[in-house]
Amino acid sequence: MANKHTTAHVDNSKGNQQLSFQQHETDCPILPVSQLEQLQRFKPEAVDWIINQTQIEAEHRRAQIIKVNKYTFIERIVGQVFAFVIGLSGVLFGSYVALNEQPTAGATIAGAALAGLAGVFLSGRSGK
């Protein structure tokens, strides 16, 4: 979790006035303990509400992460299946053409199908 805490405190030269500034940034959905303690003194019922909302948000975030991971897995499996079907179709069609008295054309078709898949695979790897 990323946390960032900034505090600034300024006194004037006479010492009778001061200014304080605090900033707290985090990717954690719950407030820091010091702020919860201040809220408890100000409005006690709000602390329970904040904790309840934090639990609801955390459950939602976990459900979203599970969905994203599941759909990413499905997308990759479907992509591999289609790549296999394209490659197999190219080789089978090239073999069919080669067996019907056109060996050069058949080899070209099969080679182009496999080279196309290899090119897509390698270009996808270089982008990461």
C-alpha atoms as a PDB file:
ATOM      1  CA  MET A   1       0.000   0.000   0.000  1.00  0.00           C
ATOM      2  CA  ALA A   2       1.257   3.431  -0.895  1.00  0.00           C
ATOM      3  CA  ASN A   3       1.146   6.020   1.860  1.00  0.00           C
ATOM      4  CA  LYS A   4       2.144   9.656   1.793  1.00  0.00           C
ATOM      5  CA  HIS A   5       1.918  11.957   4.790  1.00  0.00           C
ATOM      6  CA  THR A   6       2.728  15.676   4.657  1.00  0.00           C
ATOM      7  CA  THR A   7       2.682  18.054   7.610  1.00  0.00           C
ATOM      8  CA  ALA A   8       3.404  21.785   7.629  1.00  0.00           C
ATOM      9  CA  HIS A   9       3.450  23.991  10.707  1.00  0.00           C
ATOM     10  CA  VAL A  10       4.077  27.765  10.615  1.00  0.00           C
ATOM     11  CA  ASP A  11       4.362  30.224  13.533  1.00  0.00           C
ATOM     12  CA  ASN A  12       4.470  33.967  13.076  1.00  0.00           C
ATOM     13  CA  SER A  13       7.390  35.949  14.470  1.00  0.00           C
ATOM     14  CA  LYS A  14       5.455  37.121  17.555  1.00  0.00           C
ATOM     15  CA  GLY A  15       4.414  33.573  18.449  1.00  0.00           C
ATOM     16  CA  ASN A  16       0.733  34.327  18.931  1.00  0.00           C
ATOM     17  CA  GLN A  17      -0.551  32.852  15.647  1.00  0.00           C
ATOM     18  CA  GLN A  18       0.109  29.542  14.017  1.00  0.00           C
ATOM     19  CA  LEU A  19      -1.041  27.586  11.008  1.00  0.00           C
ATOM     20  CA  SER A  20      -0.956  23.810  10.643  1.00  0.00           C
ATOM     21  CA  PHE A  21      -1.632  21.749   7.572  1.00  0.00           C
ATOM     22  CA  GLN A  22      -1.762  17.964   7.325  1.00  0.00           C
ATOM     23  CA  GLN A  23      -2.279  15.858   4.235  1.00  0.00           C
ATOM     24  CA  HIS A  24      -2.508  12.097   4.113  1.00  0.00           C
ATOM     25  CA  GLU A  25      -2.761  10.106   0.884  1.00  0.00           C
ATOM     26  CA  THR A  26      -3.174   6.362   0.782  1.00  0.00           C
ATOM     27  CA  ASP A  27      -4.665   3.714  -1.439  1.00  0.00           C
ATOM     28  CA  CYS A  28      -6.111   2.035   1.644  1.00  0.00           C
ATOM     29  CA  PRO A  29      -9.878   2.555   1.836  1.00  0.00           C
ATOM     30  CA  ILE A  30      -9.954   3.145   5.615  1.00  0.00           C
ATOM     31  CA  LEU A  31      -9.042   6.343   7.434  1.00  0.00           C
ATOM     32  CA  PRO A  32      -5.889   6.480   9.557  1.00  0.00           C
ATOM     33  CA  VAL A  33      -6.347   5.694  13.261  1.00  0.00           C
ATOM     34  CA  SER A  34      -5.700   9.272  14.349  1.00  0.00           C
ATOM     35  CA  GLN A  35      -8.510  10.545  12.133  1.00  0.00           C
ATOM     36  CA  LEU A  36     -10.855   7.807  13.351  1.00  0.00           C
ATOM     37  CA  GLU A  37     -10.097   8.859  16.945  1.00  0.00           C
ATOM     38  CA  GLN A  38     -10.928  12.478  16.115  1.00  0.00           C
ATOM     39  CA  LEU A  39     -14.135  11.387  14.430  1.00  0.00           C
ATOM     40  CA  GLN A  40     -15.017   9.235  17.467  1.00  0.00           C
ATOM     41  CA  ARG A  41     -14.829  12.322  19.692  1.00  0.00           C
ATOM     42  CA  PHE A  42     -16.856  14.394  17.215  1.00  0.00           C
ATOM     43  CA  LYS A  43     -19.484  11.912  15.989  1.00  0.00           C
ATOM     44  CA  PRO A  44     -19.207   8.400  17.496  1.00  0.00           C
ATOM     45  CA  GLU A  45     -21.818   6.712  15.260  1.00  0.00           C
ATOM     46  CA  ALA A  46     -19.923   7.763  12.134  1.00  0.00           C
ATOM     47  CA  VAL A  47     -16.947   5.509  12.952  1.00  0.00           C
ATOM     48  CA  ASP A  48     -19.055   2.351  12.756  1.00  0.00           C
ATOM     49  CA  TRP A  49     -20.602   3.581   9.498  1.00  0.00           C
ATOM     50  CA  ILE A  50     -17.159   4.235   7.990  1.00  0.00           C
ATOM     51  CA  ILE A  51     -15.881   0.798   9.000  1.00  0.00           C
ATOM     52  CA  ASN A  52     -19.021  -0.835   7.584  1.00  0.00           C
ATOM     53  CA  GLN A  53     -18.657   1.061   4.288  1.00  0.00           C
ATOM     54  CA  THR A  54     -14.990   0.110   4.149  1.00  0.00           C
ATOM     55  CA  GLN A  55     -15.889  -3.573   4.504  1.00  0.00           C
ATOM     56  CA  ILE A  56     -18.501  -3.273   1.745  1.00  0.00           C
ATOM     57  CA  GLU A  57     -16.004  -1.511  -0.543  1.00  0.00           C
ATOM     58  CA  ALA A  58     -13.299  -4.114   0.163  1.00  0.00           C
ATOM     59  CA  GLU A  59     -15.676  -6.981  -0.656  1.00  0.00           C
ATOM     60  CA  HIS A  60     -16.691  -5.253  -3.888  1.00  0.00           C
ATOM     61  CA  ARG A  61     -13.047  -4.632  -4.834  1.00  0.00           C
ATOM     62  CA  ARG A  62     -12.164  -8.293  -4.213  1.00  0.00           C
ATOM     63  CA  ALA A  63     -15.124  -9.436  -6.321  1.00  0.00           C
ATOM     64  CA  GLN A  64     -14.022  -7.130  -9.146  1.00  0.00           C
ATOM     65  CA  ILE A  65     -10.463  -8.459  -9.004  1.00  0.00           C
ATOM     66  CA  ILE A  66     -11.741 -12.036  -9.190  1.00  0.00           C
ATOM     67  CA  LYS A  67     -13.890 -11.136 -12.230  1.00  0.00           C
ATOM     68  CA  VAL A  68     -11.012  -9.402 -13.997  1.00  0.00           C
ATOM     69  CA  ASN A  69      -8.692 -12.353 -13.394  1.00  0.00           C
ATOM     70  CA  LYS A  70     -11.328 -14.826 -14.609  1.00  0.00           C
ATOM     71  CA  TYR A  71     -12.070 -12.891 -17.795  1.00  0.00           C
ATOM     72  CA  THR A  72      -8.370 -12.392 -18.510  1.00  0.00           C
ATOM     73  CA  PHE A  73      -7.833 -16.145 -18.183  1.00  0.00           C
ATOM     74  CA  ILE A  74     -10.784 -16.887 -20.495  1.00  0.00           C
ATOM     75  CA  GLU A  75      -9.541 -14.342 -23.044  1.00  0.00           C
ATOM     76  CA  ARG A  76      -6.102 -15.945 -23.125  1.00  0.00           C
ATOM     77  CA  ILE A  77      -7.437 -19.493 -23.436  1.00  0.00           C
ATOM     78  CA  VAL A  78      -9.824 -18.498 -26.245  1.00  0.00           C
ATOM     79  CA  GLY A  79      -6.957 -16.712 -28.019  1.00  0.00           C
ATOM     80  CA  GLN A  80      -4.793 -19.819 -27.810  1.00  0.00           C
ATOM     81  CA  VAL A  81      -7.608 -22.021 -29.108  1.00  0.00           C
ATOM     82  CA  PHE A  82      -8.202 -19.715 -32.079  1.00  0.00           C
ATOM     83  CA  ALA A  83      -4.467 -19.532 -32.806  1.00  0.00           C
ATOM     84  CA  PHE A  84      -4.342 -23.340 -32.806  1.00  0.00           C
ATOM     85  CA  VAL A  85      -7.359 -23.542 -35.138  1.00  0.00           C
ATOM     86  CA  ILE A  86      -5.868 -20.948 -37.523  1.00  0.00           C
ATOM     87  CA  GLY A  87      -2.500 -22.703 -37.585  1.00  0.00           C
ATOM     88  CA  LEU A  88      -4.038 -26.146 -38.045  1.00  0.00           C
ATOM     89  CA  SER A  89      -6.341 -24.855 -40.793  1.00  0.00           C
ATOM     90  CA  GLY A  90      -3.430 -23.278 -42.633  1.00  0.00           C
ATOM     91  CA  VAL A  91      -1.339 -26.448 -42.438  1.00  0.00           C
ATOM     92  CA  LEU A  92      -4.248 -28.708 -43.434  1.00  0.00           C
ATOM     93  CA  PHE A  93      -5.272 -26.475 -46.340  1.00  0.00           C
ATOM     94  CA  GLY A  94      -1.647 -26.193 -47.448  1.00  0.00           C
ATOM     95  CA  SER A  95      -1.300 -29.990 -47.265  1.00  0.00           C
ATOM     96  CA  TYR A  96      -4.492 -30.448 -49.285  1.00  0.00           C
ATOM     97  CA  VAL A  97      -3.232 -28.088 -51.988  1.00  0.00           C
ATOM     98  CA  ALA A  98       0.199 -29.751 -51.975  1.00  0.00           C
ATOM     99  CA  LEU A  99      -1.348 -33.218 -52.359  1.00  0.00           C
ATOM    100  CA  ASN A 100      -3.366 -31.990 -55.351  1.00  0.00           C
ATOM    101  CA  GLU A 101      -0.365 -31.408 -57.620  1.00  0.00           C
ATOM    102  CA  GLN A 102       0.582 -27.916 -56.313  1.00  0.00           C
ATOM    103  CA  PRO A 103       3.399 -28.481 -53.791  1.00  0.00           C
ATOM    104  CA  THR A 104       4.802 -24.953 -54.034  1.00  0.00           C
ATOM    105  CA  ALA A 105       1.439 -23.305 -53.414  1.00  0.00           C
ATOM    106  CA  GLY A 106       0.684 -25.715 -50.554  1.00  0.00           C
ATOM    107  CA  ALA A 107       4.018 -25.018 -48.885  1.00  0.00           C
ATOM    108  CA  THR A 108       3.473 -21.284 -49.306  1.00  0.00           C
ATOM    109  CA  ILE A 109      -0.001 -21.448 -47.722  1.00  0.00           C
ATOM    110  CA  ALA A 110       1.141 -23.573 -44.770  1.00  0.00           C
ATOM    111  CA  GLY A 111       4.272 -21.479 -44.275  1.00  0.00           C
ATOM    112  CA  ALA A 112       2.325 -18.215 -44.420  1.00  0.00           C
ATOM    113  CA  ALA A 113      -0.147 -19.461 -41.799  1.00  0.00           C
ATOM    114  CA  LEU A 114       2.624 -20.514 -39.425  1.00  0.00           C
ATOM    115  CA  ALA A 115       4.722 -17.409 -40.116  1.00  0.00           C
ATOM    116  CA  GLY A 116       1.698 -15.203 -39.439  1.00  0.00           C
ATOM    117  CA  LEU A 117       1.089 -16.843 -36.073  1.00  0.00           C
ATOM    118  CA  ALA A 118       4.781 -16.661 -35.185  1.00  0.00           C
ATOM    119  CA  GLY A 119       4.848 -12.978 -36.148  1.00  0.00           C
ATOM    120  CA  VAL A 120       1.836 -12.176 -33.969  1.00  0.00           C
ATOM    121  CA  PHE A 121       3.320 -14.150 -31.081  1.00  0.00           C
ATOM    122  CA  LEU A 122       6.715 -12.459 -31.315  1.00  0.00           C
ATOM    123  CA  SER A 123       5.307  -8.955 -31.770  1.00  0.00           C
ATOM    124  CA  GLY A 124       3.122  -9.497 -28.698  1.00  0.00           C
ATOM    125  CA  ARG A 125       6.172 -10.531 -26.675  1.00  0.00           C
ATOM    126  CA  SER A 126       8.261  -7.540 -27.724  1.00  0.00           C
ATOM    127  CA  GLY A 127       5.539  -5.088 -26.646  1.00  0.00           C
ATOM    128  CA  LYS A 128       5.725  -6.213 -23.007  1.00  0.00           C
END
